[in-house]
Amino acid sequence: AFGVIADIQYADAEDGYDFRGYRRRYYRQSLKLLRDAVEAWAAERPPLAFVLQLGDSIDGLNARSGEAEGALEQVLAVLGRLQVPVHHAWGNHEFYNFSRARLMHTGLSSRPAGAMVGPPAGDCHAYHFSPTARFRVIVLDTYDLSILGREPDSPRYRESLQLLRKKNPNDNLNSPAGLKEPRFVEFNGGFSQAQLDWFNEVLKFSDENQEKVVVMGHLPIHPDASDRVCLAWNYEDALSVIHSHQCVVCFLAGHLHDGGYCLDSHGVHHLTLEGVIETPPESNAFGTIYVYKDRMILKGRGRISDRVMHF
């Protein structure tokens, strides 16, 4: 069994609203909801094997108030009460607060010692681990291709900006207004070819060893488990890698605070978790996934529904 949670977006700030101005965000409260989640996970028997934090652990507001380091410290201190590893996806809010180089040296850099590390670029936060026989978890970096968190003079930044400008002629690159493909906005990102090639090799290995694989990343990669804006830029490329193998049973994502779910044409479950940040104080948004030989059972709390995912 393992825990799942997304979009905590903690900041020591009064409640606010999303960028459209109508969804309430409970910045301070999110830390309390995280504490409640950690307490519930710590009480699980038998104990959980690990927890997946699906990105946006702290909010971009912290960068403006100079509180990024302190806010992250508080979130990691709460998660640190767990006696099990926590694996982190990197989301856009991580990059509003920290450069990619800095993130590599925070507690959000969660590659285990000796983990099979990702693609050639050393700063790509992609890796995989096997918590038990014939079961593997792959952490993908959905902002490997992005202008967030990268130095403007780096080749990856230039490549990402070129792609973004080609698809998004708006002055404000965060605006999807009028776009044929509204996912091409600055707050999203995608997968480099190097990461996709590496991903393909890992899945080949898992196929050969008859493993079941769960993949996680901040951005959803299936249009039926997301709205049209919140998808990874080149989600089709990631999907085609997954669909060329037998082993993947589930893709877990955050980013879309309303959550989403679909079972795709190849029998892969795409589960997008509701965000803690837009969860009212009297509720919550986290879950525990129990893995069996032929299915996974999600026991959701608060806004997250229970779900049985057969494979």
Foldseek 3Di string as FASTA:
>chain_A
DEKEAEQLAADPDCWAAPPVGDFIFHRPLSLVLLLVSLVVQQPDPVHHQEYEYFENQHALVCQVVVCLVVSVVSSVVSVVVHPHAYAYAYFLRNLSRAALVVCCVDVNLRQDVVFADFFPPPSFSWTKDDSDAQEIEIEGHLAQQACGRDDCVDPSNVVSVVVLCVQDVDPQQQDLPPGPQSQSGRRGAGDDVRRLVRVLVVLVVSQVRNHAYEYEHAAFLDCQFAPRHRHRPPSVSNVVSVLVHLRYAEYEYERHQLWGWDQDPSRHIYTYWHHQRSADSVWHTMWDWDDDPFWIWTDTTGSDHTDIRGD
